[in-house]
Amino acid sequence: MKKHVFSSMVVAGLAIFSATPVLACSAAGPGKHVGQVSAVDAKAGTFTIMDAETGKPIVFAASSGLIKDALQARGSVMVSYEKADGKLKAQDIHF
């Protein structure tokens, strides 16, 4: 009986934690995306995240300082951005 209760608690806990990233983008609000940095192109001044909500890549133009931050990112990040000239321009990266 104890094993069954413990197993149920573990499964419930994993379900809660695995659902959190999916909710993160919508909950973050407008002008923000949540995901993991998947690529950085310092020469082009861009970095890409895999969006936690859609699972699709999103490319951001960024300053050299934010490019350095993106290179150091581990785990999920939240990117604040603005749309300009048809591109997404990163304004900040939160770890």
PDB file of N, CA and C in Angstrom:
ATOM      1  N   MET A   1       0.824  -1.200   0.000  1.00  0.00           N
ATOM      2  CA  MET A   1       0.000   0.000   0.000  1.00  0.00           C
ATOM      3  C   MET A   1       0.862   1.256   0.000  1.00  0.00           C
ATOM      4  N   LYS A   2       1.926   1.252   0.828  1.00  0.00           N
ATOM      5  CA  LYS A   2       2.788   2.428   0.895  1.00  0.00           C
ATOM      6  C   LYS A   2       3.474   2.685  -0.451  1.00  0.00           C
ATOM      7  N   LYS A   3       3.889   1.621  -1.138  1.00  0.00           N
ATOM      8  CA  LYS A   3       4.545   1.787  -2.436  1.00  0.00           C
ATOM      9  C   LYS A   3       3.597   2.411  -3.448  1.00  0.00           C
ATOM     10  N   HIS A   4       2.326   1.990  -3.414  1.00  0.00           N
ATOM     11  CA  HIS A   4       1.344   2.527  -4.355  1.00  0.00           C
ATOM     12  C   HIS A   4       1.109   4.020  -4.110  1.00  0.00           C
ATOM     13  N   VAL A   5       0.979   4.414  -2.856  1.00  0.00           N
ATOM     14  CA  VAL A   5       0.763   5.826  -2.518  1.00  0.00           C
ATOM     15  C   VAL A   5       1.975   6.651  -2.926  1.00  0.00           C
ATOM     16  N   PHE A   6       3.178   6.133  -2.618  1.00  0.00           N
ATOM     17  CA  PHE A   6       4.398   6.843  -2.983  1.00  0.00           C
ATOM     18  C   PHE A   6       4.511   6.989  -4.495  1.00  0.00           C
ATOM     19  N   SER A   7       4.227   5.915  -5.235  1.00  0.00           N
ATOM     20  CA  SER A   7       4.292   5.955  -6.699  1.00  0.00           C
ATOM     21  C   SER A   7       3.326   6.985  -7.257  1.00  0.00           C
ATOM     22  N   SER A   8       2.120   7.029  -6.693  1.00  0.00           N
ATOM     23  CA  SER A   8       1.132   8.008  -7.149  1.00  0.00           C
ATOM     24  C   SER A   8       1.602   9.429  -6.908  1.00  0.00           C
ATOM     25  N   MET A   9       2.241   9.646  -5.763  1.00  0.00           N
ATOM     26  CA  MET A   9       2.755  10.987  -5.448  1.00  0.00           C
ATOM     27  C   MET A   9       3.874  11.372  -6.411  1.00  0.00           C
ATOM     28  N   VAL A  10       4.751  10.448  -6.738  1.00  0.00           N
ATOM     29  CA  VAL A  10       5.849  10.722  -7.671  1.00  0.00           C
ATOM     30  C   VAL A  10       5.298  11.056  -9.048  1.00  0.00           C
ATOM     31  N   VAL A  11       4.351  10.263  -9.530  1.00  0.00           N
ATOM     32  CA  VAL A  11       3.759  10.515 -10.849  1.00  0.00           C
ATOM     33  C   VAL A  11       3.065  11.876 -10.870  1.00  0.00           C
ATOM     34  N   ALA A  12       2.323  12.201  -9.826  1.00  0.00           N
ATOM     35  CA  ALA A  12       1.643  13.502  -9.763  1.00  0.00           C
ATOM     36  C   ALA A  12       2.656  14.642  -9.752  1.00  0.00           C
ATOM     37  N   GLY A  13       3.726  14.482  -8.997  1.00  0.00           N
ATOM     38  CA  GLY A  13       4.769  15.505  -8.950  1.00  0.00           C
ATOM     39  C   GLY A  13       5.436  15.713 -10.290  1.00  0.00           C
ATOM     40  N   LEU A  14       5.733  14.633 -10.991  1.00  0.00           N
ATOM     41  CA  LEU A  14       6.352  14.742 -12.314  1.00  0.00           C
ATOM     42  C   LEU A  14       5.411  15.413 -13.305  1.00  0.00           C
ATOM     43  N   ALA A  15       4.141  15.107 -13.223  1.00  0.00           N
ATOM     44  CA  ALA A  15       3.164  15.731 -14.118  1.00  0.00           C
ATOM     45  C   ALA A  15       3.115  17.233 -13.910  1.00  0.00           C
ATOM     46  N   ILE A  16       3.171  17.660 -12.663  1.00  0.00           N
ATOM     47  CA  ILE A  16       3.141  19.100 -12.371  1.00  0.00           C
ATOM     48  C   ILE A  16       4.377  19.785 -12.923  1.00  0.00           C
ATOM     49  N   PHE A  17       5.553  19.218 -12.666  1.00  0.00           N
ATOM     50  CA  PHE A  17       6.791  19.848 -13.111  1.00  0.00           C
ATOM     51  C   PHE A  17       6.967  19.778 -14.616  1.00  0.00           C
ATOM     52  N   SER A  18       6.504  18.742 -15.263  1.00  0.00           N
ATOM     53  CA  SER A  18       6.658  18.650 -16.711  1.00  0.00           C
ATOM     54  C   SER A  18       5.693  19.585 -17.421  1.00  0.00           C
ATOM     55  N   ALA A  19       4.579  19.943 -16.810  1.00  0.00           N
ATOM     56  CA  ALA A  19       3.612  20.845 -17.430  1.00  0.00           C
ATOM     57  C   ALA A  19       4.021  22.302 -17.300  1.00  0.00           C
ATOM     58  N   THR A  20       4.872  22.635 -16.349  1.00  0.00           N
ATOM     59  CA  THR A  20       5.243  24.017 -16.088  1.00  0.00           C
ATOM     60  C   THR A  20       5.816  24.735 -17.304  1.00  0.00           C
ATOM     61  N   PRO A  21       6.792  24.172 -18.058  1.00  0.00           N
ATOM     62  CA  PRO A  21       7.323  24.902 -19.209  1.00  0.00           C
ATOM     63  C   PRO A  21       6.276  25.177 -20.278  1.00  0.00           C
ATOM     64  N   VAL A  22       5.315  24.280 -20.454  1.00  0.00           N
ATOM     65  CA  VAL A  22       4.297  24.477 -21.463  1.00  0.00           C
ATOM     66  C   VAL A  22       3.462  25.702 -21.137  1.00  0.00           C
ATOM     67  N   LEU A  23       3.198  25.927 -19.872  1.00  0.00           N
ATOM     68  CA  LEU A  23       2.402  27.065 -19.460  1.00  0.00           C
ATOM     69  C   LEU A  23       3.216  28.355 -19.401  1.00  0.00           C
ATOM     70  N   ALA A  24       4.524  28.235 -19.412  1.00  0.00           N
ATOM     71  CA  ALA A  24       5.389  29.378 -19.157  1.00  0.00           C
ATOM     72  C   ALA A  24       5.247  30.489 -20.189  1.00  0.00           C
ATOM     73  N   CYS A  25       5.187  30.177 -21.472  1.00  0.00           N
ATOM     74  CA  CYS A  25       5.139  31.230 -22.493  1.00  0.00           C
ATOM     75  C   CYS A  25       3.861  32.050 -22.404  1.00  0.00           C
ATOM     76  N   SER A  26       2.731  31.401 -22.312  1.00  0.00           N
ATOM     77  CA  SER A  26       1.463  32.131 -22.203  1.00  0.00           C
ATOM     78  C   SER A  26       1.406  32.933 -20.912  1.00  0.00           C
ATOM     79  N   ALA A  27       1.892  32.347 -19.843  1.00  0.00           N
ATOM     80  CA  ALA A  27       1.846  33.009 -18.541  1.00  0.00           C
ATOM     81  C   ALA A  27       2.848  34.156 -18.446  1.00  0.00           C
ATOM     82  N   ALA A  28       3.905  34.116 -19.247  1.00  0.00           N
ATOM     83  CA  ALA A  28       4.935  35.160 -19.197  1.00  0.00           C
ATOM     84  C   ALA A  28       4.405  36.492 -19.693  1.00  0.00           C
ATOM     85  N   GLY A  29       3.401  36.450 -20.563  1.00  0.00           N
ATOM     86  CA  GLY A  29       2.789  37.681 -21.051  1.00  0.00           C
ATOM     87  C   GLY A  29       3.317  38.112 -22.403  1.00  0.00           C
ATOM     88  N   PRO A  30       2.774  39.201 -22.926  1.00  0.00           N
ATOM     89  CA  PRO A  30       3.186  39.686 -24.243  1.00  0.00           C
ATOM     90  C   PRO A  30       4.638  40.166 -24.232  1.00  0.00           C
ATOM     91  N   GLY A  31       5.300  39.981 -25.359  1.00  0.00           N
ATOM     92  CA  GLY A  31       6.682  40.443 -25.473  1.00  0.00           C
ATOM     93  C   GLY A  31       7.679  39.558 -24.762  1.00  0.00           C
ATOM     94  N   LYS A  32       7.284  38.313 -24.484  1.00  0.00           N
ATOM     95  CA  LYS A  32       8.188  37.389 -23.797  1.00  0.00           C
ATOM     96  C   LYS A  32       8.020  35.985 -24.377  1.00  0.00           C
ATOM     97  N   HIS A  33       9.121  35.268 -24.461  1.00  0.00           N
ATOM     98  CA  HIS A  33       9.108  33.853 -24.833  1.00  0.00           C
ATOM     99  C   HIS A  33       9.990  33.107 -23.855  1.00  0.00           C
ATOM    100  N   VAL A  34       9.628  31.858 -23.581  1.00  0.00           N
ATOM    101  CA  VAL A  34      10.379  30.997 -22.676  1.00  0.00           C
ATOM    102  C   VAL A  34      10.833  29.765 -23.455  1.00  0.00           C
ATOM    103  N   GLY A  35      12.070  29.356 -23.228  1.00  0.00           N
ATOM    104  CA  GLY A  35      12.583  28.158 -23.880  1.00  0.00           C
ATOM    105  C   GLY A  35      14.050  27.972 -23.559  1.00  0.00           C
ATOM    106  N   GLN A  36      14.674  27.042 -24.275  1.00  0.00           N
ATOM    107  CA  GLN A  36      16.097  26.785 -24.086  1.00  0.00           C
ATOM    108  C   GLN A  36      16.864  27.285 -25.296  1.00  0.00           C
ATOM    109  N   VAL A  37      18.009  27.913 -25.037  1.00  0.00           N
ATOM    110  CA  VAL A  37      18.855  28.391 -26.127  1.00  0.00           C
ATOM    111  C   VAL A  37      19.377  27.177 -26.876  1.00  0.00           C
ATOM    112  N   SER A  38      19.147  27.148 -28.181  1.00  0.00           N
ATOM    113  CA  SER A  38      19.574  26.009 -28.986  1.00  0.00           C
ATOM    114  C   SER A  38      20.692  26.368 -29.958  1.00  0.00           C
ATOM    115  N   ALA A  39      20.863  27.656 -30.244  1.00  0.00           N
ATOM    116  CA  ALA A  39      21.923  28.070 -31.168  1.00  0.00           C
ATOM    117  C   ALA A  39      22.257  29.541 -30.931  1.00  0.00           C
ATOM    118  N   VAL A  40      23.523  29.865 -31.162  1.00  0.00           N
ATOM    119  CA  VAL A  40      23.978  31.254 -31.079  1.00  0.00           C
ATOM    120  C   VAL A  40      24.856  31.517 -32.293  1.00  0.00           C
ATOM    121  N   ASP A  41      24.552  32.588 -33.018  1.00  0.00           N
ATOM    122  CA  ASP A  41      25.366  32.992 -34.161  1.00  0.00           C
ATOM    123  C   ASP A  41      25.884  34.402 -33.864  1.00  0.00           C
ATOM    124  N   ALA A  42      27.039  34.445 -33.211  1.00  0.00           N
ATOM    125  CA  ALA A  42      27.605  35.732 -32.801  1.00  0.00           C
ATOM    126  C   ALA A  42      27.899  36.622 -34.002  1.00  0.00           C
ATOM    127  N   LYS A  43      28.332  36.031 -35.096  1.00  0.00           N
ATOM    128  CA  LYS A  43      28.662  36.810 -36.301  1.00  0.00           C
ATOM    129  C   LYS A  43      27.412  37.518 -36.848  1.00  0.00           C
ATOM    130  N   ALA A  44      26.287  36.823 -36.858  1.00  0.00           N
ATOM    131  CA  ALA A  44      25.040  37.400 -37.358  1.00  0.00           C
ATOM    132  C   ALA A  44      24.319  38.216 -36.287  1.00  0.00           C
ATOM    133  N   GLY A  45      24.740  38.081 -35.016  1.00  0.00           N
ATOM    134  CA  GLY A  45      24.096  38.808 -33.929  1.00  0.00           C
ATOM    135  C   GLY A  45      22.729  38.245 -33.591  1.00  0.00           C
ATOM    136  N   THR A  46      22.601  36.901 -33.645  1.00  0.00           N
ATOM    137  CA  THR A  46      21.324  36.262 -33.336  1.00  0.00           C
ATOM    138  C   THR A  46      21.519  35.063 -32.408  1.00  0.00           C
ATOM    139  N   PHE A  47      20.435  34.707 -31.733  1.00  0.00           N
ATOM    140  CA  PHE A  47      20.391  33.438 -31.010  1.00  0.00           C
ATOM    141  C   PHE A  47      18.999  32.852 -31.175  1.00  0.00           C
ATOM    142  N   THR A  48      18.915  31.557 -31.011  1.00  0.00           N
ATOM    143  CA  THR A  48      17.664  30.827 -31.212  1.00  0.00           C
ATOM    144  C   THR A  48      17.297  30.092 -29.941  1.00  0.00           C
ATOM    145  N   ILE A  49      16.010  30.121 -29.593  1.00  0.00           N
ATOM    146  CA  ILE A  49      15.522  29.286 -28.496  1.00  0.00           C
ATOM    147  C   ILE A  49      14.506  28.302 -29.072  1.00  0.00           C
ATOM    148  N   MET A  50      14.370  27.165 -28.413  1.00  0.00           N
ATOM    149  CA  MET A  50      13.281  26.234 -28.714  1.00  0.00           C
ATOM    150  C   MET A  50      12.153  26.625 -27.774  1.00  0.00           C
ATOM    151  N   ASP A  51      11.098  27.155 -28.329  1.00  0.00           N
ATOM    152  CA  ASP A  51       9.982  27.678 -27.552  1.00  0.00           C
ATOM    153  C   ASP A  51       9.344  26.576 -26.711  1.00  0.00           C
ATOM    154  N   ALA A  52       9.187  26.821 -25.415  1.00  0.00           N
ATOM    155  CA  ALA A  52       8.642  25.822 -24.490  1.00  0.00           C
ATOM    156  C   ALA A  52       7.185  25.490 -24.791  1.00  0.00           C
ATOM    157  N   GLU A  53       6.435  26.436 -25.316  1.00  0.00           N
ATOM    158  CA  GLU A  53       5.011  26.214 -25.550  1.00  0.00           C
ATOM    159  C   GLU A  53       4.752  25.517 -26.885  1.00  0.00           C
ATOM    160  N   THR A  54       5.442  25.938 -27.934  1.00  0.00           N
ATOM    161  CA  THR A  54       5.176  25.388 -29.265  1.00  0.00           C
ATOM    162  C   THR A  54       6.185  24.333 -29.703  1.00  0.00           C
ATOM    163  N   GLY A  55       7.368  24.327 -29.082  1.00  0.00           N
ATOM    164  CA  GLY A  55       8.418  23.396 -29.492  1.00  0.00           C
ATOM    165  C   GLY A  55       9.114  23.824 -30.771  1.00  0.00           C
ATOM    166  N   LYS A  56       8.812  25.017 -31.246  1.00  0.00           N
ATOM    167  CA  LYS A  56       9.409  25.519 -32.498  1.00  0.00           C
ATOM    168  C   LYS A  56      10.526  26.502 -32.197  1.00  0.00           C
ATOM    169  N   PRO A  57      11.500  26.593 -33.110  1.00  0.00           N
ATOM    170  CA  PRO A  57      12.601  27.552 -32.902  1.00  0.00           C
ATOM    171  C   PRO A  57      12.139  28.992 -33.125  1.00  0.00           C
ATOM    172  N   ILE A  58      12.686  29.885 -32.311  1.00  0.00           N
ATOM    173  CA  ILE A  58      12.427  31.319 -32.450  1.00  0.00           C
ATOM    174  C   ILE A  58      13.776  32.017 -32.456  1.00  0.00           C
ATOM    175  N   VAL A  59      14.012  32.822 -33.493  1.00  0.00           N
ATOM    176  CA  VAL A  59      15.284  33.525 -33.664  1.00  0.00           C
ATOM    177  C   VAL A  59      15.135  34.966 -33.209  1.00  0.00           C
ATOM    178  N   PHE A  60      16.102  35.422 -32.402  1.00  0.00           N
ATOM    179  CA  PHE A  60      16.121  36.793 -31.909  1.00  0.00           C
ATOM    180  C   PHE A  60      17.394  37.486 -32.359  1.00  0.00           C
ATOM    181  N   ALA A  61      17.277  38.725 -32.831  1.00  0.00           N
ATOM    182  CA  ALA A  61      18.440  39.585 -33.040  1.00  0.00           C
ATOM    183  C   ALA A  61      18.823  40.108 -31.661  1.00  0.00           C
ATOM    184  N   ALA A  62      20.128  40.281 -31.417  1.00  0.00           N
ATOM    185  CA  ALA A  62      20.553  40.692 -30.079  1.00  0.00           C
ATOM    186  C   ALA A  62      21.852  41.475 -30.116  1.00  0.00           C
ATOM    187  N   SER A  63      22.049  42.277 -29.073  1.00  0.00           N
ATOM    188  CA  SER A  63      23.308  43.009 -28.905  1.00  0.00           C
ATOM    189  C   SER A  63      24.402  42.015 -28.530  1.00  0.00           C
ATOM    190  N   SER A  64      25.643  42.458 -28.614  1.00  0.00           N
ATOM    191  CA  SER A  64      26.761  41.564 -28.277  1.00  0.00           C
ATOM    192  C   SER A  64      26.702  41.114 -26.818  1.00  0.00           C
ATOM    193  N   GLY A  65      26.218  41.971 -25.926  1.00  0.00           N
ATOM    194  CA  GLY A  65      26.084  41.607 -24.516  1.00  0.00           C
ATOM    195  C   GLY A  65      25.072  40.492 -24.309  1.00  0.00           C
ATOM    196  N   LEU A  66      23.944  40.581 -25.017  1.00  0.00           N
ATOM    197  CA  LEU A  66      22.938  39.527 -24.901  1.00  0.00           C
ATOM    198  C   LEU A  66      23.394  38.242 -25.587  1.00  0.00           C
ATOM    199  N   ILE A  67      24.193  38.373 -26.636  1.00  0.00           N
ATOM    200  CA  ILE A  67      24.752  37.178 -27.283  1.00  0.00           C
ATOM    201  C   ILE A  67      25.639  36.437 -26.279  1.00  0.00           C
ATOM    202  N   LYS A  68      26.440  37.173 -25.521  1.00  0.00           N
ATOM    203  CA  LYS A  68      27.292  36.548 -24.493  1.00  0.00           C
ATOM    204  C   LYS A  68      26.437  35.864 -23.437  1.00  0.00           C
ATOM    205  N   ASP A  69      25.340  36.501 -23.031  1.00  0.00           N
ATOM    206  CA  ASP A  69      24.427  35.894 -22.063  1.00  0.00           C
ATOM    207  C   ASP A  69      23.823  34.604 -22.625  1.00  0.00           C
ATOM    208  N   ALA A  70      23.440  34.639 -23.888  1.00  0.00           N
ATOM    209  CA  ALA A  70      22.846  33.455 -24.521  1.00  0.00           C
ATOM    210  C   ALA A  70      23.853  32.302 -24.574  1.00  0.00           C
ATOM    211  N   LEU A  71      25.121  32.628 -24.804  1.00  0.00           N
ATOM    212  CA  LEU A  71      26.158  31.588 -24.829  1.00  0.00           C
ATOM    213  C   LEU A  71      26.324  30.927 -23.465  1.00  0.00           C
ATOM    214  N   GLN A  72      26.053  31.660 -22.403  1.00  0.00           N
ATOM    215  CA  GLN A  72      26.218  31.142 -21.042  1.00  0.00           C
ATOM    216  C   GLN A  72      24.942  30.489 -20.505  1.00  0.00           C
ATOM    217  N   ALA A  73      23.839  30.589 -21.228  1.00  0.00           N
ATOM    218  CA  ALA A  73      22.552  30.088 -20.736  1.00  0.00           C
ATOM    219  C   ALA A  73      22.575  28.576 -20.547  1.00  0.00           C
ATOM    220  N   ARG A  74      22.047  28.156 -19.431  1.00  0.00           N
ATOM    221  CA  ARG A  74      21.858  26.742 -19.116  1.00  0.00           C
ATOM    222  C   ARG A  74      20.420  26.568 -18.665  1.00  0.00           C
ATOM    223  N   GLY A  75      19.711  25.633 -19.226  1.00  0.00           N
ATOM    224  CA  GLY A  75      18.314  25.424 -18.848  1.00  0.00           C
ATOM    225  C   GLY A  75      17.403  26.441 -19.521  1.00  0.00           C
ATOM    226  N   SER A  76      16.242  26.623 -18.946  1.00  0.00           N
ATOM    227  CA  SER A  76      15.248  27.522 -19.530  1.00  0.00           C
ATOM    228  C   SER A  76      15.599  28.985 -19.309  1.00  0.00           C
ATOM    229  N   VAL A  77      15.262  29.795 -20.292  1.00  0.00           N
ATOM    230  CA  VAL A  77      15.441  31.242 -20.205  1.00  0.00           C
ATOM    231  C   VAL A  77      14.131  31.913 -20.601  1.00  0.00           C
ATOM    232  N   MET A  78      13.951  33.144 -20.144  1.00  0.00           N
ATOM    233  CA  MET A  78      12.841  33.963 -20.596  1.00  0.00           C
ATOM    234  C   MET A  78      13.437  35.153 -21.332  1.00  0.00           C
ATOM    235  N   VAL A  79      13.009  35.346 -22.560  1.00  0.00           N
ATOM    236  CA  VAL A  79      13.519  36.431 -23.388  1.00  0.00           C
ATOM    237  C   VAL A  79      12.449  37.504 -23.513  1.00  0.00           C
ATOM    238  N   SER A  80      12.796  38.719 -23.139  1.00  0.00           N
ATOM    239  CA  SER A  80      11.935  39.879 -23.372  1.00  0.00           C
ATOM    240  C   SER A  80      12.361  40.458 -24.711  1.00  0.00           C
ATOM    241  N   TYR A  81      11.392  40.793 -25.556  1.00  0.00           N
ATOM    242  CA  TYR A  81      11.734  41.252 -26.906  1.00  0.00           C
ATOM    243  C   TYR A  81      10.733  42.291 -27.391  1.00  0.00           C
ATOM    244  N   GLU A  82      11.105  42.919 -28.495  1.00  0.00           N
ATOM    245  CA  GLU A  82      10.187  43.806 -29.211  1.00  0.00           C
ATOM    246  C   GLU A  82      10.278  43.456 -30.685  1.00  0.00           C
ATOM    247  N   LYS A  83       9.215  43.712 -31.411  1.00  0.00           N
ATOM    248  CA  LYS A  83       9.208  43.475 -32.851  1.00  0.00           C
ATOM    249  C   LYS A  83       9.653  44.757 -33.536  1.00  0.00           C
ATOM    250  N   ALA A  84      10.615  44.622 -34.451  1.00  0.00           N
ATOM    251  CA  ALA A  84      11.106  45.781 -35.195  1.00  0.00           C
ATOM    252  C   ALA A  84      11.545  45.329 -36.582  1.00  0.00           C
ATOM    253  N   ASP A  85      11.029  45.964 -37.599  1.00  0.00           N
ATOM    254  CA  ASP A  85      11.379  45.654 -38.990  1.00  0.00           C
ATOM    255  C   ASP A  85      11.184  44.174 -39.321  1.00  0.00           C
ATOM    256  N   GLY A  86      10.100  43.600 -38.809  1.00  0.00           N
ATOM    257  CA  GLY A  86       9.789  42.209 -39.099  1.00  0.00           C
ATOM    258  C   GLY A  86      10.643  41.194 -38.358  1.00  0.00           C
ATOM    259  N   LYS A  87      11.466  41.640 -37.414  1.00  0.00           N
ATOM    260  CA  LYS A  87      12.328  40.753 -36.636  1.00  0.00           C
ATOM    261  C   LYS A  87      11.993  40.878 -35.160  1.00  0.00           C
ATOM    262  N   LEU A  88      12.406  39.871 -34.405  1.00  0.00           N
ATOM    263  CA  LEU A  88      12.277  39.922 -32.954  1.00  0.00           C
ATOM    264  C   LEU A  88      13.615  40.357 -32.397  1.00  0.00           C
ATOM    265  N   LYS A  89      13.632  41.468 -31.682  1.00  0.00           N
ATOM    266  CA  LYS A  89      14.872  41.991 -31.113  1.00  0.00           C
ATOM    267  C   LYS A  89      14.857  41.761 -29.604  1.00  0.00           C
ATOM    268  N   ALA A  90      15.785  40.941 -29.129  1.00  0.00           N
ATOM    269  CA  ALA A  90      15.880  40.634 -27.699  1.00  0.00           C
ATOM    270  C   ALA A  90      16.278  41.881 -26.939  1.00  0.00           C
ATOM    271  N   GLN A  91      15.602  42.119 -25.822  1.00  0.00           N
ATOM    272  CA  GLN A  91      15.939  43.238 -24.959  1.00  0.00           C
ATOM    273  C   GLN A  91      16.581  42.771 -23.663  1.00  0.00           C
ATOM    274  N   ASP A  92      16.257  41.528 -23.257  1.00  0.00           N
ATOM    275  CA  ASP A  92      16.785  40.994 -22.012  1.00  0.00           C
ATOM    276  C   ASP A  92      16.629  39.478 -22.000  1.00  0.00           C
ATOM    277  N   ILE A  93      17.526  38.805 -21.288  1.00  0.00           N
ATOM    278  CA  ILE A  93      17.430  37.355 -21.094  1.00  0.00           C
ATOM    279  C   ILE A  93      17.463  37.115 -19.586  1.00  0.00           C
ATOM    280  N   HIS A  94      16.464  36.403 -19.096  1.00  0.00           N
ATOM    281  CA  HIS A  94      16.399  36.051 -17.671  1.00  0.00           C
ATOM    282  C   HIS A  94      16.637  34.560 -17.536  1.00  0.00           C
ATOM    283  N   PHE A  95      17.536  34.205 -16.625  1.00  0.00           N
ATOM    284  CA  PHE A  95      17.848  32.794 -16.405  1.00  0.00           C
ATOM    285  C   PHE A  95      16.995  32.253 -15.291  1.00  0.00           C
TER     286      PHE A  95
END
